Structure formats: structure tokens, C-alpha cells
Amino acid sequence: MAIPAPIAPVTLARSALLSACCAAWLMLAPARATEVFTDPAAIGRAAMDVIRVQAGDAADSLHLTVQPIDIRLRLPACNQTLSAHISGDGQLRPHVAVNVRCEGSARWNLFVSVSLESDIRVLLARRSLPSGTPAVATDFEPAQRRVPGLATAYAGDVSALAGRRLRRTLAPGEALTLDALEAANLIHRGQEVVLLARVAGIEVRMSGIALADGREADRIRVQNLSSERVVEGVVRSASVVEAPL
């Protein structure tokens, strides 16, 4: 009958070492499980909250999308309310970066990208409209759309078109923004106008011919029909140019 060989001392030493390592791991495991990290969703909410506050009344129509935050990013839990501010010049645009910070015992900050859209009533161009085209209601169609940025950036009613022209070309179906409008010319070249001069509290009115187009407050040249003298004056209305005698 074979007699089992005795267990080598080296084997026993390795077994003891393995047992000790396992015990150490089991002791450390509960401690690791208690580590708490900041929820990425909380970071996104802090970024959206500061945007809604700054948007004011326009916040009701806002649709915000926070770009995904890397789930591998483990920021320590913050023992204070997260703070956030809009980076750069602080203006709300279709895409903004928000700096979210923890100013508690565990200090950190993270830039979060947020996209802004608004569900609002807008004016859509019925056709291609070149720059300089007078803004008239018949060239636009009201519609409800989700558009980039804030509602305050768009013209939502034809009343916004009065006395305006297009600063840039609009494509068919493009929503009209307020920055695409500028004051239209009140006076046109060749138009007969009233030359108004004030002297010692007395107004003197003469007839003249505009030698250039002009918007309100523009300076244009006008020829006096009586003296044929050309003077420079300031456009005050659709028919009046104020000029010195």
C-alpha cells in the first residue's frame, strides 16, 4: 500500500500566503463599496438649471439637451449644492458650455456642453429672399417649429416687419431671426423731400431732392430746389431731412 508523500513546506507557505491575501481583499471590499461619487445626472441638472434661470420667461419654451458625460468619470460626492455658470461671455446661444463646480470639501469643476432649442411660433420665408428685400407679411408664413436657441431671437409676428428690410439672404422655409432685420430706407434717391432748418427757434422749410437713400438718422446729401445748393442733412422721417442753413 502506497504511503502519501508529505506536503512540502513550500506548498504550505504558498497556501498560507494565498489565504492571507483573500482575507485582506475581503476586509477591503466593504470599504470600497462605501465610496460615493457624484451622479452625472446631477451635474447635468445643475447645468440646465442655470440656463433656465438666465432664460427668464423664454425658459417655458426651452428644450435642453446635455451632451453625455463620460460614465467612467468618477468625481467625489459634493457635500454642498453644485454651483454652475455659463462660460465665455455668458450669453445663451444654441450651444453653450456650462462650468459645474463643487466648492465643498472635495473641490472639482467640469465643463458641460448643452444644446438649446425652443418650441415657438416663427415666420418662415415662403421663397428665397435676397438681402435688402423689404420685409413684408406676404413673404412669410407663420408656423410652430422647434428652432435652435432662444425664442427671443426670432420674429414671431408680422408686426416685427414694419419698416424693416432683410440684412441677409433667407432660404425658402428658413425661420426669420430678429438679427436678420434692419431698418428700411425711409427716403430714396430722387425723392422730393422737405429740407428743415432751425435758426434761433424758428423753423425754415424748403423743397429738395434726395441724392441718396437713407434710413432714420442717416446723413444724406440733398439738393435745395430753390438755390440748387447741395447740403448734407439727417433723415428725420419718410419725407423730412434736417439740415443747417
Protein backbone atom coordinates (compact mmCIF):
# COMPACT_ATOMS: atom_id res chain seq x y z
CA MET A 1 0.00 0.00 0.00
CA ALA A 2 1.41 3.40 -1.09
CA ILE A 3 2.06 5.93 1.60
CA PRO A 4 1.12 9.55 0.64
CA ALA A 5 4.10 11.85 0.32
CA PRO A 6 4.32 14.54 2.99
CA ILE A 7 3.21 18.11 1.98
CA ALA A 8 6.24 20.19 1.17
CA PRO A 9 6.85 23.22 3.44
CA VAL A 10 6.94 25.48 0.37
CA THR A 11 3.44 24.39 -0.63
CA LEU A 12 2.15 25.11 2.87
CA ALA A 13 3.76 28.56 2.80
CA ARG A 14 2.11 29.40 -0.52
CA SER A 15 -1.27 28.23 0.74
CA ALA A 16 -0.95 30.40 3.85
CA LEU A 17 0.01 33.43 1.74
CA LEU A 18 -2.98 32.92 -0.55
CA SER A 19 -5.33 32.67 2.44
CA ALA A 20 -3.91 35.88 3.89
CA CYS A 21 -4.41 37.74 0.57
CA CYS A 22 -8.02 36.57 0.33
CA ALA A 23 -8.71 37.73 3.87
CA ALA A 24 -7.20 41.14 3.15
CA TRP A 25 -9.31 41.53 0.00
CA LEU A 26 -12.48 40.67 1.90
CA MET A 27 -11.63 43.28 4.52
CA LEU A 28 -11.06 45.96 1.88
CA ALA A 29 -14.09 45.19 -0.27
CA PRO A 30 -16.72 46.72 2.07
CA ALA A 31 -14.66 49.91 2.35
CA ARG A 32 -14.54 50.30 -1.46
CA ALA A 33 -18.27 49.72 -1.68
CA THR A 34 -18.92 52.71 0.59
CA GLU A 35 -17.14 55.20 -1.73
CA VAL A 36 -19.70 57.71 -3.09
CA PHE A 37 -19.39 59.59 -6.37
CA THR A 38 -21.35 62.47 -7.91
CA ASP A 39 -24.20 61.29 -10.13
CA PRO A 40 -23.62 62.57 -13.73
CA ALA A 41 -27.36 63.29 -13.90
CA ALA A 42 -26.99 65.75 -11.02
CA ILE A 43 -24.24 67.55 -12.94
CA GLY A 44 -26.50 67.78 -15.99
CA ARG A 45 -29.38 69.15 -13.90
CA ALA A 46 -27.15 71.85 -12.42
CA ALA A 47 -26.13 72.91 -15.95
CA MET A 48 -29.74 73.05 -17.15
CA ASP A 49 -30.96 74.92 -14.08
CA VAL A 50 -28.57 77.84 -14.58
CA ILE A 51 -29.64 78.10 -18.25
CA ARG A 52 -33.34 78.16 -17.36
CA VAL A 53 -32.78 80.85 -14.73
CA GLN A 54 -30.93 83.07 -17.20
CA ALA A 55 -33.50 82.46 -19.94
CA GLY A 56 -36.25 84.01 -17.78
CA ASP A 57 -39.66 84.00 -19.47
CA ALA A 58 -38.21 82.19 -22.50
CA ALA A 59 -37.47 79.15 -20.30
CA ASP A 60 -41.01 77.83 -20.75
CA SER A 61 -40.39 77.05 -24.42
CA LEU A 62 -36.85 75.69 -23.95
CA HIS A 63 -35.80 72.16 -24.83
CA LEU A 64 -32.34 71.39 -23.39
CA THR A 65 -30.01 68.51 -24.25
CA VAL A 66 -26.93 67.81 -22.14
CA GLN A 67 -24.15 66.13 -24.06
CA PRO A 68 -23.36 62.71 -22.50
CA ILE A 69 -20.94 62.81 -19.58
CA ASP A 70 -18.35 60.02 -19.55
CA ILE A 71 -19.63 57.43 -17.07
CA ARG A 72 -16.02 56.49 -16.31
CA LEU A 73 -15.52 59.92 -14.81
CA ARG A 74 -15.82 59.47 -11.04
CA LEU A 75 -15.99 62.79 -9.25
CA PRO A 76 -16.18 62.67 -5.45
CA ALA A 77 -19.58 63.36 -3.94
CA CYS A 78 -20.07 67.04 -3.12
CA ASN A 79 -21.21 67.99 0.39
CA GLN A 80 -22.58 71.29 -0.95
CA THR A 81 -25.07 72.23 -3.66
CA LEU A 82 -23.37 72.18 -7.04
CA SER A 83 -22.76 75.65 -8.50
CA ALA A 84 -22.81 76.43 -12.21
CA HIS A 85 -22.22 79.37 -14.52
CA ILE A 86 -22.24 79.84 -18.29
CA SER A 87 -18.71 80.16 -19.62
CA GLY A 88 -17.38 82.73 -22.07
CA ASP A 89 -19.40 85.95 -22.31
CA GLY A 90 -22.34 84.31 -20.55
CA GLN A 91 -24.72 84.70 -23.49
CA LEU A 92 -27.24 81.96 -24.29
CA ARG A 93 -26.66 80.57 -27.77
CA PRO A 94 -27.77 77.34 -29.49
CA HIS A 95 -24.72 75.62 -27.96
CA VAL A 96 -23.26 76.72 -24.63
CA ALA A 97 -20.62 75.43 -22.23
CA VAL A 98 -21.53 75.42 -18.55
CA ASN A 99 -18.91 75.17 -15.82
CA VAL A 100 -20.29 72.99 -13.00
CA ARG A 101 -18.35 73.14 -9.73
CA CYS A 102 -18.18 71.52 -6.33
CA GLU A 103 -16.96 74.07 -3.80
CA GLY A 104 -17.23 71.77 -0.80
CA SER A 105 -14.58 69.65 0.86
CA ALA A 106 -13.95 67.81 -2.42
CA ARG A 107 -13.26 70.59 -4.92
CA TRP A 108 -13.65 69.94 -8.64
CA ASN A 109 -15.08 71.57 -11.75
CA LEU A 110 -16.33 70.19 -15.06
CA PHE A 111 -17.36 71.86 -18.33
CA VAL A 112 -20.64 70.51 -19.68
CA SER A 113 -21.92 71.16 -23.22
CA VAL A 114 -25.65 71.90 -23.54
CA SER A 115 -27.74 72.37 -26.70
CA LEU A 116 -30.65 74.85 -26.60
CA GLU A 117 -33.79 74.64 -28.73
CA SER A 118 -37.16 76.37 -28.45
CA ASP A 119 -40.67 75.25 -29.44
CA ILE A 120 -42.19 78.52 -30.66
CA ARG A 121 -44.21 80.30 -33.34
CA VAL A 122 -41.94 81.67 -36.08
CA LEU A 123 -42.18 83.30 -39.50
CA LEU A 124 -40.92 81.08 -42.34
CA ALA A 125 -39.76 82.53 -45.65
CA ARG A 126 -42.10 81.46 -48.47
CA ARG A 127 -39.34 81.82 -51.05
CA SER A 128 -35.71 82.81 -51.35
CA LEU A 129 -35.42 86.41 -50.16
CA PRO A 130 -32.25 88.35 -51.09
CA SER A 131 -30.51 90.73 -48.74
CA GLY A 132 -32.07 94.20 -48.89
CA THR A 133 -35.58 92.92 -49.65
CA PRO A 134 -38.30 94.90 -47.82
CA ALA A 135 -39.81 92.71 -45.10
CA VAL A 136 -43.49 92.26 -45.93
CA ALA A 137 -46.05 89.86 -44.46
CA THR A 138 -46.87 88.20 -47.79
CA ASP A 139 -43.32 86.79 -47.99
CA PHE A 140 -43.67 84.91 -44.70
CA GLU A 141 -45.78 82.09 -43.31
CA PRO A 142 -46.41 81.67 -39.55
CA ALA A 143 -45.70 78.18 -38.19
CA GLN A 144 -44.89 76.32 -34.98
CA ARG A 145 -41.33 74.99 -35.04
CA ARG A 146 -38.51 73.72 -32.83
CA VAL A 147 -35.63 76.05 -33.59
CA PRO A 148 -32.06 76.46 -32.26
CA GLY A 149 -31.53 78.97 -29.47
CA LEU A 150 -33.93 81.18 -27.52
CA ALA A 151 -37.42 82.28 -28.54
CA THR A 152 -36.36 85.92 -28.11
CA ALA A 153 -34.02 85.57 -31.11
CA TYR A 154 -36.92 85.07 -33.57
CA ALA A 155 -39.66 87.16 -35.13
CA GLY A 156 -42.95 85.51 -34.21
CA ASP A 157 -45.41 88.08 -35.55
CA VAL A 158 -45.69 90.17 -38.71
CA SER A 159 -45.70 93.33 -36.58
CA ALA A 160 -41.92 92.88 -36.32
CA LEU A 161 -41.64 93.53 -40.08
CA ALA A 162 -42.90 97.12 -40.06
CA GLY A 163 -40.32 99.49 -41.51
CA ARG A 164 -37.70 96.74 -41.83
CA ARG A 165 -35.72 95.05 -44.58
CA LEU A 166 -33.56 91.93 -44.74
CA ARG A 167 -29.95 92.28 -43.66
CA ARG A 168 -29.05 88.89 -45.15
CA THR A 169 -30.48 86.39 -47.63
CA LEU A 170 -33.13 83.94 -46.38
CA ALA A 171 -33.59 80.46 -47.86
CA PRO A 172 -37.10 79.08 -48.52
CA GLY A 173 -38.55 77.72 -45.28
CA GLU A 174 -35.93 79.44 -43.09
CA ALA A 175 -37.14 80.93 -39.81
CA LEU A 176 -36.74 84.70 -39.59
CA THR A 177 -34.46 85.86 -36.78
CA LEU A 178 -34.52 89.41 -35.47
CA ASP A 179 -30.84 89.90 -36.30
CA ALA A 180 -31.70 89.27 -39.96
CA LEU A 181 -33.72 92.51 -39.99
CA GLU A 182 -32.59 96.11 -40.18
CA ALA A 183 -34.32 99.44 -40.60
CA ALA A 184 -35.54 100.03 -44.14
CA ASN A 185 -34.77 103.20 -46.08
CA LEU A 186 -37.19 105.98 -45.22
CA ILE A 187 -36.02 108.16 -48.08
CA HIS A 188 -34.96 107.09 -51.57
CA ARG A 189 -32.63 108.70 -54.06
CA GLY A 190 -34.50 111.11 -56.38
CA GLN A 191 -37.36 111.57 -53.91
CA GLU A 192 -38.62 115.07 -53.23
CA VAL A 193 -38.18 115.89 -49.55
CA VAL A 194 -38.65 118.75 -47.11
CA LEU A 195 -35.41 120.40 -46.03
CA LEU A 196 -35.86 121.54 -42.44
CA ALA A 197 -33.59 124.10 -40.81
CA ARG A 198 -33.85 125.63 -37.35
CA VAL A 199 -32.49 129.08 -36.62
CA ALA A 200 -32.98 130.84 -33.27
CA GLY A 201 -36.07 128.77 -32.53
CA ILE A 202 -37.58 129.39 -35.98
CA GLU A 203 -38.18 126.55 -38.42
CA VAL A 204 -37.49 127.11 -42.10
CA ARG A 205 -38.81 124.58 -44.62
CA MET A 206 -37.66 124.27 -48.21
CA SER A 207 -38.09 121.74 -51.01
CA GLY A 208 -35.22 119.50 -52.01
CA ILE A 209 -34.26 116.33 -53.90
CA ALA A 210 -32.59 113.42 -52.08
CA LEU A 211 -29.32 112.43 -53.73
CA ALA A 212 -29.06 109.12 -51.83
CA ASP A 213 -31.13 106.54 -49.98
CA GLY A 214 -31.34 106.98 -46.23
CA ARG A 215 -32.62 105.27 -43.09
CA GLU A 216 -33.69 107.12 -39.98
CA ALA A 217 -30.77 109.12 -38.53
CA ASP A 218 -28.63 108.53 -41.64
CA ARG A 219 -26.78 111.51 -43.08
CA ILE A 220 -27.53 112.06 -46.79
CA ARG A 221 -26.93 114.75 -49.40
CA VAL A 222 -29.91 116.81 -50.58
CA GLN A 223 -30.11 119.45 -53.31
CA ASN A 224 -32.08 122.58 -52.44
CA LEU A 225 -34.52 123.15 -55.33
CA SER A 226 -34.55 126.92 -54.85
CA SER A 227 -30.81 127.61 -54.62
CA GLU A 228 -29.60 124.36 -56.24
CA ARG A 229 -27.13 124.19 -53.36
CA VAL A 230 -26.24 120.69 -52.15
CA VAL A 231 -26.27 120.24 -48.38
CA GLU A 232 -25.88 117.31 -46.02
CA GLY A 233 -28.67 116.57 -43.58
CA VAL A 234 -30.07 113.96 -41.22
CA VAL A 235 -33.09 111.83 -42.13
CA ARG A 236 -35.85 112.53 -39.61
CA SER A 237 -38.83 110.84 -41.29
CA ALA A 238 -40.03 109.44 -44.62
CA SER A 239 -40.20 112.98 -46.04
CA VAL A 240 -38.07 115.27 -43.85
CA VAL A 241 -34.31 115.88 -43.83
CA GLU A 242 -32.94 118.28 -41.26
CA ALA A 243 -30.01 120.35 -42.48
CA PRO A 244 -28.22 123.55 -41.49
CA LEU A 245 -28.85 126.73 -43.49
